[in-house]
Amino acid sequence: MQIANGNNLSRVKVTNQSAIRQMIYHDGPISRIEISEKLSLTLPTITTTVNFLLSKGLIKEVENTKASGKTLGRKASLIDISDDCGYFIGIEMRGALRRACITDYRGNIIKSISDDTPYSDYDETITETCELVKKLLRSSKMAKAKIAGIGLCLPGLVDRSEGILTVHPGYDWENKNVKNDVARLLNYDGPVSIENNACARAYGSYLFSHELMDQYPSFAYFFVSTGIACPLMYTHLRFHESIIGQGEVGHMIIDSKGPLCNCGNHGCLEAFSSERAIISNCVNELRKGKAEILRGLCSSTASPTIYEILNAQAEGDPSVNAILKDAIFHMGIGIANIDNFVRPQCILIDGHIFQNQKNKDQLMDVIAQNLYTATNMDTNYIFVEPDEFSGAVGAAAVAVQNDLKTFIE
């Protein structure tokens, strides 16, 4: 049985400061009175904390442009987050690519950098990733002292509390202390946050698109890439958001007699619908002398890119069309299963294959046909525009979120 912690003065102080900072971040510009009312805290408590945060430069006073011009006396100013009081480094690390960026508190990219050199060894990958970050810092001329936190995301199962990559099945990486390695290689003594790359994207949507996402008490983030993941985020308790699991839905069994997945099981969703599976199926067609349109578009028949495959689909390649139709069919069943089981208010769908409207339309048809309540699709489905830095920005969002919860003394 879980035992709830009691309250003492120091714990209350920490909790209040965190709630006030997050309220200002999400709802700012906001007045002291509004903060007091929304958090059910006394105005003196709000005033004391706000004045302290102002003295640290973490928040700022802004003019209340909505106040009536007929108001007597000095207009009460509003409080907002100081976007430039600190910056965050966000990193996405995979064996085949690395993306890094510097953002402000709102997720605006100040500077970014990328590298697509393929690596498979963990030590080499983490070392080269940190070298890329050093290059980013040099090119941005950003003082390390201005970095308020670093977030790194990567595929696999992550112990976010300890900053340890438990397992990355694609490369057989196990029990890697990524948090300590990043701090050591960058000689950085500030906070470092480690997260699964799909979960990081969910945090990025929650924090940096909160005007849209605040209306949903829960949402899922369906991410299609080399693998498939779909973490679930609950935000119904304000400022107590939580990710449920790490969303490894790519390994749900769609057909037990289906193709072999790289995890060792047969018929996983990833074996049907991941970019890896789509590319592999296209290569097989090319080897058979088929997929002629794709053959004319791709630079290498041994490894066509997902973009070349989508271009071949758009030009009407029948082999590619059949492969994508099958992939999306199984993907739609997977999403319908998630919706039937969890019923989130919103499902964000992120994948390069949905750059073609045909694939979006087919997916929505398959979902509708397989929902338990097919005549009442009350879940909101939102297609996310693919962005090569969405993982890095999401990692920065994880660092921002942890920073907002950190007690400032």
Protein backbone atom coordinates (compact mmCIF):
# COMPACT_ATOMS: atom_id res chain seq x y z
CA MET A 1 0.00 0.00 0.00
CA GLN A 2 1.33 3.45 -0.91
CA ILE A 3 1.61 5.78 2.08
CA ALA A 4 0.97 9.48 1.42
CA ASN A 5 3.59 11.86 2.77
CA GLY A 6 2.51 14.27 5.45
CA ASN A 7 3.15 17.98 5.13
CA ASN A 8 5.67 20.07 6.94
CA LEU A 9 6.66 23.70 6.47
CA SER A 10 9.63 23.06 4.19
CA ARG A 11 7.69 20.62 1.99
CA VAL A 12 4.78 23.06 1.68
CA LYS A 13 7.20 25.81 0.67
CA VAL A 14 8.71 23.64 -2.05
CA THR A 15 5.27 22.56 -3.32
CA ASN A 16 3.93 26.12 -3.35
CA GLN A 17 6.91 27.52 -5.26
CA SER A 18 6.69 24.77 -7.87
CA ALA A 19 2.94 25.28 -8.33
CA ILE A 20 3.34 29.06 -8.63
CA ARG A 21 6.15 28.77 -11.20
CA GLN A 22 4.16 26.30 -13.29
CA MET A 23 1.00 28.42 -13.04
CA ILE A 24 2.90 31.46 -14.31
CA TYR A 25 4.50 29.37 -17.08
CA HIS A 26 1.22 27.89 -18.32
CA ASP A 27 -1.18 30.78 -17.71
CA GLY A 28 1.02 33.86 -17.82
CA PRO A 29 0.74 36.77 -18.15
CA ILE A 30 -1.32 36.42 -14.99
CA SER A 31 -2.05 38.60 -11.95
CA ARG A 32 -1.07 37.78 -8.39
CA ILE A 33 -4.75 37.66 -7.44
CA GLU A 34 -5.51 35.15 -10.20
CA ILE A 35 -2.65 32.93 -9.05
CA SER A 36 -3.96 33.12 -5.50
CA GLU A 37 -7.48 32.18 -6.56
CA LYS A 38 -6.47 29.36 -8.91
CA LEU A 39 -4.08 27.75 -6.42
CA SER A 40 -6.19 28.48 -3.32
CA LEU A 41 -3.19 30.10 -1.65
CA THR A 42 -3.19 33.31 0.35
CA LEU A 43 -2.21 36.52 -1.41
CA PRO A 44 0.72 37.12 1.03
CA THR A 45 2.10 33.68 0.13
CA ILE A 46 1.84 34.50 -3.58
CA THR A 47 3.38 37.95 -3.09
CA THR A 48 6.35 36.61 -1.12
CA THR A 49 7.13 33.89 -3.67
CA VAL A 50 6.58 36.14 -6.68
CA ASN A 51 8.86 38.84 -5.25
CA PHE A 52 11.55 36.23 -4.61
CA LEU A 53 11.29 34.85 -8.17
CA LEU A 54 11.40 38.40 -9.55
CA SER A 55 14.61 39.05 -7.61
CA LYS A 56 16.14 35.93 -9.21
CA GLY A 57 15.12 37.11 -12.69
CA LEU A 58 13.09 33.94 -13.30
CA ILE A 59 9.86 35.85 -13.90
CA LYS A 60 9.05 39.38 -15.03
CA GLU A 61 6.34 41.98 -14.62
CA VAL A 62 4.49 43.00 -17.76
CA GLU A 63 1.94 45.70 -18.39
CA ASN A 64 -1.68 44.72 -17.92
CA THR A 65 -3.02 45.87 -21.29
CA LYS A 66 -6.48 44.49 -20.45
CA ALA A 67 -6.96 46.75 -17.42
CA SER A 68 -9.56 49.45 -17.88
CA GLY A 69 -8.18 52.92 -18.54
CA LYS A 70 -10.72 54.23 -16.05
CA THR A 71 -9.14 52.35 -13.15
CA LEU A 72 -8.02 54.72 -10.39
CA GLY A 73 -4.48 54.46 -9.09
CA ARG A 74 -1.65 52.28 -10.37
CA LYS A 75 -2.70 49.41 -12.61
CA ALA A 76 -1.73 46.00 -11.19
CA SER A 77 0.98 44.49 -13.37
CA LEU A 78 0.87 40.92 -14.62
CA ILE A 79 3.48 38.24 -14.09
CA ASP A 80 5.05 36.13 -16.82
CA ILE A 81 7.99 33.77 -17.23
CA SER A 82 11.30 35.36 -18.27
CA ASP A 83 12.00 33.46 -21.47
CA ASP A 84 15.65 34.49 -21.59
CA CYS A 85 16.64 33.95 -17.96
CA GLY A 86 18.02 30.54 -18.84
CA TYR A 87 18.39 28.21 -21.81
CA PHE A 88 18.10 24.48 -22.33
CA ILE A 89 19.95 21.98 -24.47
CA GLY A 90 17.79 19.28 -26.05
CA ILE A 91 19.37 16.21 -27.64
CA GLU A 92 17.99 13.25 -29.53
CA MET A 93 20.47 10.40 -29.85
CA ARG A 94 20.04 7.40 -32.08
CA GLY A 95 22.63 5.17 -33.66
CA ALA A 96 21.88 6.58 -37.11
CA LEU A 97 21.38 10.24 -36.23
CA ARG A 98 21.92 12.92 -33.63
CA ARG A 99 20.03 16.19 -33.27
CA ALA A 100 20.79 18.90 -30.74
CA CYS A 101 19.38 22.36 -30.13
CA ILE A 102 19.39 25.22 -27.64
CA THR A 103 15.95 26.55 -26.71
CA ASP A 104 14.52 29.16 -24.41
CA TYR A 105 11.84 28.38 -21.80
CA ARG A 106 9.14 28.39 -24.48
CA GLY A 107 10.83 25.90 -26.77
CA ASN A 108 11.95 28.46 -29.34
CA ILE A 109 15.11 27.17 -31.00
CA ILE A 110 18.07 29.51 -30.61
CA LYS A 111 20.58 27.31 -32.42
CA SER A 112 20.53 23.76 -33.76
CA ILE A 113 22.93 21.19 -35.17
CA SER A 114 22.65 17.71 -36.67
CA ASP A 115 24.78 14.73 -37.65
CA ASP A 116 23.79 11.60 -39.57
CA THR A 117 26.97 9.55 -39.18
CA PRO A 118 25.84 5.99 -38.29
CA TYR A 119 27.18 4.48 -35.07
CA SER A 120 26.25 1.27 -33.28
CA ASP A 121 28.66 1.22 -30.32
CA TYR A 122 27.25 3.01 -27.25
CA ASP A 123 30.52 4.57 -26.06
CA GLU A 124 31.28 5.93 -29.52
CA THR A 125 27.71 7.21 -29.97
CA ILE A 126 27.51 9.04 -26.63
CA THR A 127 31.00 10.49 -27.12
CA GLU A 128 30.22 11.79 -30.60
CA THR A 129 26.87 13.12 -29.41
CA CYS A 130 28.55 15.16 -26.69
CA GLU A 131 31.16 16.41 -29.16
CA LEU A 132 28.26 17.62 -31.33
CA VAL A 133 26.83 19.49 -28.32
CA LYS A 134 30.20 21.13 -27.66
CA LYS A 135 30.27 22.27 -31.28
CA LEU A 136 26.73 23.63 -30.86
CA LEU A 137 27.76 25.64 -27.79
CA ARG A 138 30.82 27.04 -29.56
CA SER A 139 28.87 28.09 -32.64
CA SER A 140 26.12 29.68 -30.54
CA LYS A 141 28.64 31.48 -28.31
CA MET A 142 26.35 30.54 -25.44
CA ALA A 143 28.05 30.54 -22.05
CA LYS A 144 27.63 27.20 -20.30
CA ALA A 145 26.55 29.10 -17.19
CA LYS A 146 23.41 30.20 -19.06
CA ILE A 147 22.34 26.58 -19.60
CA ALA A 148 19.69 25.81 -16.99
CA GLY A 149 19.37 22.14 -17.90
CA ILE A 150 20.10 19.45 -20.46
CA GLY A 151 17.61 16.89 -21.75
CA LEU A 152 18.53 13.86 -23.84
CA CYS A 153 16.12 11.39 -25.40
CA LEU A 154 16.73 8.11 -27.16
CA PRO A 155 14.80 4.97 -28.14
CA GLY A 156 14.38 2.15 -25.65
CA LEU A 157 13.35 1.65 -22.05
CA VAL A 158 14.56 4.46 -19.80
CA ASP A 159 14.69 4.71 -16.02
CA ARG A 160 13.95 8.43 -15.99
CA SER A 161 14.42 8.81 -12.23
CA GLU A 162 18.00 7.50 -12.41
CA GLY A 163 18.84 8.61 -15.94
CA ILE A 164 19.69 5.08 -17.03
CA LEU A 165 18.97 3.45 -20.37
CA THR A 166 17.71 0.06 -19.26
CA VAL A 167 17.66 -1.47 -22.72
CA HIS A 168 17.91 -0.37 -26.33
CA PRO A 169 16.91 -3.54 -28.24
CA GLY A 170 18.04 -2.21 -31.60
CA TYR A 171 21.68 -2.10 -30.50
CA ASP A 172 21.69 -4.42 -27.47
CA TRP A 173 22.62 -1.52 -25.20
CA GLU A 174 21.75 -2.34 -21.58
CA ASN A 175 22.04 -0.51 -18.26
CA LYS A 176 23.87 2.54 -19.63
CA ASN A 177 24.14 5.45 -17.20
CA VAL A 178 23.43 8.08 -19.84
CA LYS A 179 22.87 10.86 -17.30
CA ASN A 180 26.32 10.46 -15.74
CA ASP A 181 27.99 10.01 -19.12
CA VAL A 182 26.50 13.25 -20.48
CA ALA A 183 27.46 15.20 -17.35
CA ARG A 184 31.01 13.78 -17.46
CA LEU A 185 31.65 14.22 -21.18
CA LEU A 186 30.26 17.77 -21.21
CA ASN A 187 31.81 18.66 -17.86
CA TYR A 188 28.39 19.94 -16.83
CA ASP A 189 27.29 20.03 -13.20
CA GLY A 190 23.73 21.22 -13.80
CA PRO A 191 20.59 19.05 -14.05
CA VAL A 192 20.54 16.40 -16.79
CA SER A 193 17.27 14.64 -17.74
CA ILE A 194 17.03 11.41 -19.74
CA GLU A 195 13.83 10.27 -21.45
CA ASN A 196 12.51 7.88 -24.07
CA ASN A 197 12.32 9.68 -27.43
CA ALA A 198 8.56 9.19 -27.96
CA CYS A 199 7.84 10.30 -24.37
CA ALA A 200 9.99 13.39 -24.94
CA ARG A 201 7.85 14.32 -27.94
CA ALA A 202 4.77 14.00 -25.75
CA TYR A 203 6.34 16.39 -23.24
CA GLY A 204 7.20 18.78 -26.06
CA SER A 205 3.56 18.87 -27.17
CA TYR A 206 2.28 19.28 -23.61
CA LEU A 207 4.66 22.08 -22.66
CA PHE A 208 5.30 24.00 -25.86
CA SER A 209 1.80 23.63 -27.39
CA HIS A 210 -0.10 23.97 -24.15
CA GLU A 211 -2.65 26.36 -25.65
CA LEU A 212 -3.88 23.39 -27.68
CA MET A 213 -3.11 20.53 -25.27
CA ASP A 214 -4.44 22.10 -22.06
CA GLN A 215 -7.98 21.23 -23.19
CA TYR A 216 -7.22 17.50 -23.05
CA PRO A 217 -6.98 15.81 -19.61
CA SER A 218 -5.20 12.93 -21.33
CA PHE A 219 -3.56 12.27 -24.66
CA ALA A 220 -1.48 9.63 -26.42
CA TYR A 221 1.43 10.28 -28.76
CA PHE A 222 1.61 7.72 -31.57
CA PHE A 223 5.10 7.95 -33.06
CA VAL A 224 6.11 6.04 -36.18
CA SER A 225 9.79 5.88 -37.03
CA THR A 226 12.28 3.03 -37.20
CA GLY A 227 10.06 1.56 -34.49
CA ILE A 228 6.62 2.45 -33.16
CA ALA A 229 5.78 3.86 -29.73
CA CYS A 230 2.73 5.42 -28.11
CA PRO A 231 3.16 6.81 -24.58
CA LEU A 232 0.08 8.00 -22.70
CA MET A 233 0.16 11.28 -20.79
CA TYR A 234 -2.33 12.23 -18.09
CA THR A 235 -2.63 15.95 -17.37
CA HIS A 236 -5.96 15.98 -15.53
CA LEU A 237 -4.24 16.99 -12.27
CA ARG A 238 -2.82 20.40 -13.04
CA PHE A 239 0.97 20.46 -12.68
CA HIS A 240 1.04 16.78 -11.76
CA GLU A 241 1.27 15.42 -15.29
CA SER A 242 2.48 11.87 -15.66
CA ILE A 243 3.58 9.59 -18.47
CA ILE A 244 2.15 6.09 -18.13
CA GLY A 245 4.84 3.62 -19.17
CA GLN A 246 7.04 4.18 -22.21
CA GLY A 247 4.51 3.20 -24.83
CA GLU A 248 6.22 0.27 -26.51
CA VAL A 249 3.05 -0.51 -28.47
CA GLY A 250 5.18 -1.48 -31.46
CA HIS A 251 5.46 -4.87 -29.80
CA MET A 252 1.75 -5.50 -29.35
CA ILE A 253 0.88 -8.67 -31.26
CA ILE A 254 -1.35 -7.93 -34.24
CA ASP A 255 -1.11 -11.40 -35.83
CA SER A 256 0.63 -14.25 -34.00
CA LYS A 257 1.35 -15.88 -37.37
CA GLY A 258 2.72 -12.68 -38.84
CA PRO A 259 6.30 -11.80 -39.79
CA LEU A 260 9.18 -12.12 -37.35
CA CYS A 261 9.92 -8.94 -35.40
CA ASN A 262 13.44 -7.99 -34.35
CA CYS A 263 12.33 -8.55 -30.74
CA GLY A 264 11.99 -12.28 -31.49
CA ASN A 265 8.18 -12.48 -31.54
CA HIS A 266 5.97 -12.97 -34.56
CA GLY A 267 3.35 -10.50 -35.75
CA CYS A 268 4.29 -7.38 -33.74
CA LEU A 269 2.92 -4.08 -35.03
CA GLU A 270 6.47 -2.96 -35.82
CA ALA A 271 6.96 -5.99 -38.07
CA PHE A 272 4.06 -4.73 -40.22
CA SER A 273 4.07 -0.95 -39.97
CA SER A 274 7.37 0.58 -38.84
CA GLU A 275 9.57 2.45 -41.30
CA ARG A 276 12.05 -0.42 -40.92
CA ALA A 277 9.39 -2.92 -42.06
CA ILE A 278 8.17 -0.71 -44.91
CA ILE A 279 11.70 -0.20 -46.23
CA SER A 280 12.49 -3.91 -45.89
CA ASN A 281 9.35 -4.88 -47.83
CA CYS A 282 10.20 -2.38 -50.56
CA VAL A 283 13.74 -3.80 -50.85
CA ASN A 284 12.25 -7.28 -51.29
CA GLU A 285 10.04 -6.00 -54.12
CA LEU A 286 13.01 -4.34 -55.80
CA ARG A 287 14.97 -7.60 -55.61
CA LYS A 288 12.09 -9.33 -57.39
CA GLY A 289 12.35 -6.79 -60.21
CA LYS A 290 9.19 -4.98 -59.13
CA ALA A 291 8.54 -1.42 -57.82
CA GLU A 292 9.82 0.12 -61.05
CA ILE A 293 8.85 3.69 -60.16
CA LEU A 294 10.68 3.41 -56.83
CA ARG A 295 13.68 1.94 -58.65
CA GLY A 296 13.89 5.06 -60.80
CA LEU A 297 13.64 7.37 -57.81
CA CYS A 298 15.92 5.81 -55.22
CA SER A 299 19.66 6.37 -55.07
CA SER A 300 20.24 2.85 -53.74
CA THR A 301 17.96 -0.14 -54.34
CA ALA A 302 19.54 -1.78 -51.29
CA SER A 303 18.35 0.98 -48.96
CA PRO A 304 15.64 3.30 -50.28
CA THR A 305 14.67 6.08 -47.90
CA ILE A 306 11.18 6.56 -46.54
CA TYR A 307 11.01 9.84 -48.50
CA GLU A 308 11.81 8.06 -51.78
CA ILE A 309 9.16 5.46 -50.97
CA LEU A 310 6.57 8.16 -50.34
CA ASN A 311 7.48 9.85 -53.62
CA ALA A 312 7.04 6.52 -55.42
CA GLN A 313 3.64 6.11 -53.77
CA ALA A 314 2.63 9.60 -54.88
CA GLU A 315 3.62 8.70 -58.46
CA GLY A 316 1.48 5.56 -58.36
CA ASP A 317 3.95 2.69 -57.90
CA PRO A 318 1.60 -0.30 -57.41
CA SER A 319 4.08 -2.34 -55.33
CA VAL A 320 4.78 0.56 -52.97
CA ASN A 321 1.07 1.36 -52.75
CA ALA A 322 0.32 -2.21 -51.67
CA ILE A 323 3.07 -2.20 -49.04
CA LEU A 324 1.94 1.09 -47.52
CA LYS A 325 -1.72 0.06 -47.63
CA ASP A 326 -0.92 -3.08 -45.63
CA ALA A 327 1.28 -1.15 -43.17
CA ILE A 328 -1.40 1.46 -42.54
CA PHE A 329 -4.11 -1.19 -42.20
CA HIS A 330 -2.26 -2.85 -39.32
CA MET A 331 -1.35 0.54 -37.85
CA GLY A 332 -5.01 1.56 -37.82
CA ILE A 333 -5.92 -1.63 -35.97
CA GLY A 334 -3.19 -0.86 -33.42
CA ILE A 335 -4.44 2.68 -32.83
CA ALA A 336 -8.05 1.47 -32.57
CA ASN A 337 -6.92 -1.03 -29.92
CA ILE A 338 -5.24 1.76 -27.97
CA ASP A 339 -8.35 3.91 -28.24
CA ASN A 340 -10.65 1.06 -27.24
CA PHE A 341 -8.53 0.25 -24.19
CA VAL A 342 -7.53 3.68 -22.88
CA ARG A 343 -9.90 6.20 -24.45
CA PRO A 344 -7.61 9.24 -24.30
CA GLN A 345 -9.23 12.56 -25.19
CA CYS A 346 -6.67 13.06 -27.96
CA ILE A 347 -4.21 10.99 -29.98
CA LEU A 348 -1.36 12.82 -31.69
CA ILE A 349 -0.06 10.92 -34.73
CA ASP A 350 3.49 11.62 -35.86
CA GLY A 351 5.16 9.91 -38.80
CA HIS A 352 6.73 10.73 -42.15
CA ILE A 353 4.31 8.40 -43.95
CA PHE A 354 1.47 10.78 -43.17
CA GLN A 355 2.93 13.46 -45.39
CA ASN A 356 0.75 11.85 -48.07
CA GLN A 357 -2.93 12.67 -47.53
CA LYS A 358 -3.90 9.29 -48.96
CA ASN A 359 -2.27 7.58 -45.96
CA LYS A 360 -4.02 9.85 -43.47
CA ASP A 361 -7.39 9.12 -45.03
CA GLN A 362 -6.83 5.37 -45.06
CA LEU A 363 -5.65 5.36 -41.44
CA MET A 364 -8.74 7.21 -40.25
CA ASP A 365 -10.98 4.79 -42.18
CA VAL A 366 -9.32 1.75 -40.59
CA ILE A 367 -9.53 3.28 -37.10
CA ALA A 368 -13.24 4.04 -37.55
CA GLN A 369 -13.94 0.50 -38.75
CA ASN A 370 -12.24 -1.06 -35.73
CA LEU A 371 -13.39 1.15 -32.87
CA TYR A 372 -15.78 -0.39 -30.39
CA THR A 373 -17.87 2.78 -30.61
CA ALA A 374 -17.29 3.34 -34.30
CA THR A 375 -20.33 5.60 -34.63
CA ASN A 376 -19.12 7.90 -31.85
CA MET A 377 -15.49 8.85 -32.46
CA ASP A 378 -15.13 11.26 -29.57
CA THR A 379 -11.34 10.98 -29.49
CA ASN A 380 -9.62 13.86 -31.27
CA TYR A 381 -7.00 12.69 -33.76
CA ILE A 382 -4.35 15.26 -34.63
CA PHE A 383 -1.63 14.64 -37.21
CA VAL A 384 1.66 16.21 -36.19
CA GLU A 385 3.79 17.84 -38.87
CA PRO A 386 7.09 15.88 -38.94
CA ASP A 387 10.07 17.90 -37.77
CA GLU A 388 13.62 16.59 -37.64
CA PHE A 389 14.21 18.44 -34.36
CA SER A 390 10.98 17.42 -32.60
CA GLY A 391 12.85 14.87 -30.50
CA ALA A 392 15.55 17.33 -29.46
CA VAL A 393 12.95 20.00 -28.67
CA GLY A 394 10.99 17.40 -26.71
CA ALA A 395 14.11 16.56 -24.73
CA ALA A 396 14.51 20.27 -23.96
CA ALA A 397 10.86 20.28 -22.80
CA VAL A 398 11.66 17.49 -20.32
CA ALA A 399 14.52 19.63 -18.98
CA VAL A 400 12.24 22.70 -18.76
CA GLN A 401 9.55 20.73 -16.92
CA ASN A 402 12.06 19.42 -14.40
CA ASP A 403 13.44 22.92 -13.97
CA LEU A 404 9.97 24.34 -13.20
CA LYS A 405 9.62 21.76 -10.44
CA THR A 406 13.05 22.45 -8.97
CA PHE A 407 13.05 24.45 -5.75
CA ILE A 408 15.00 27.69 -6.00
CA GLU A 409 16.71 28.72 -2.78
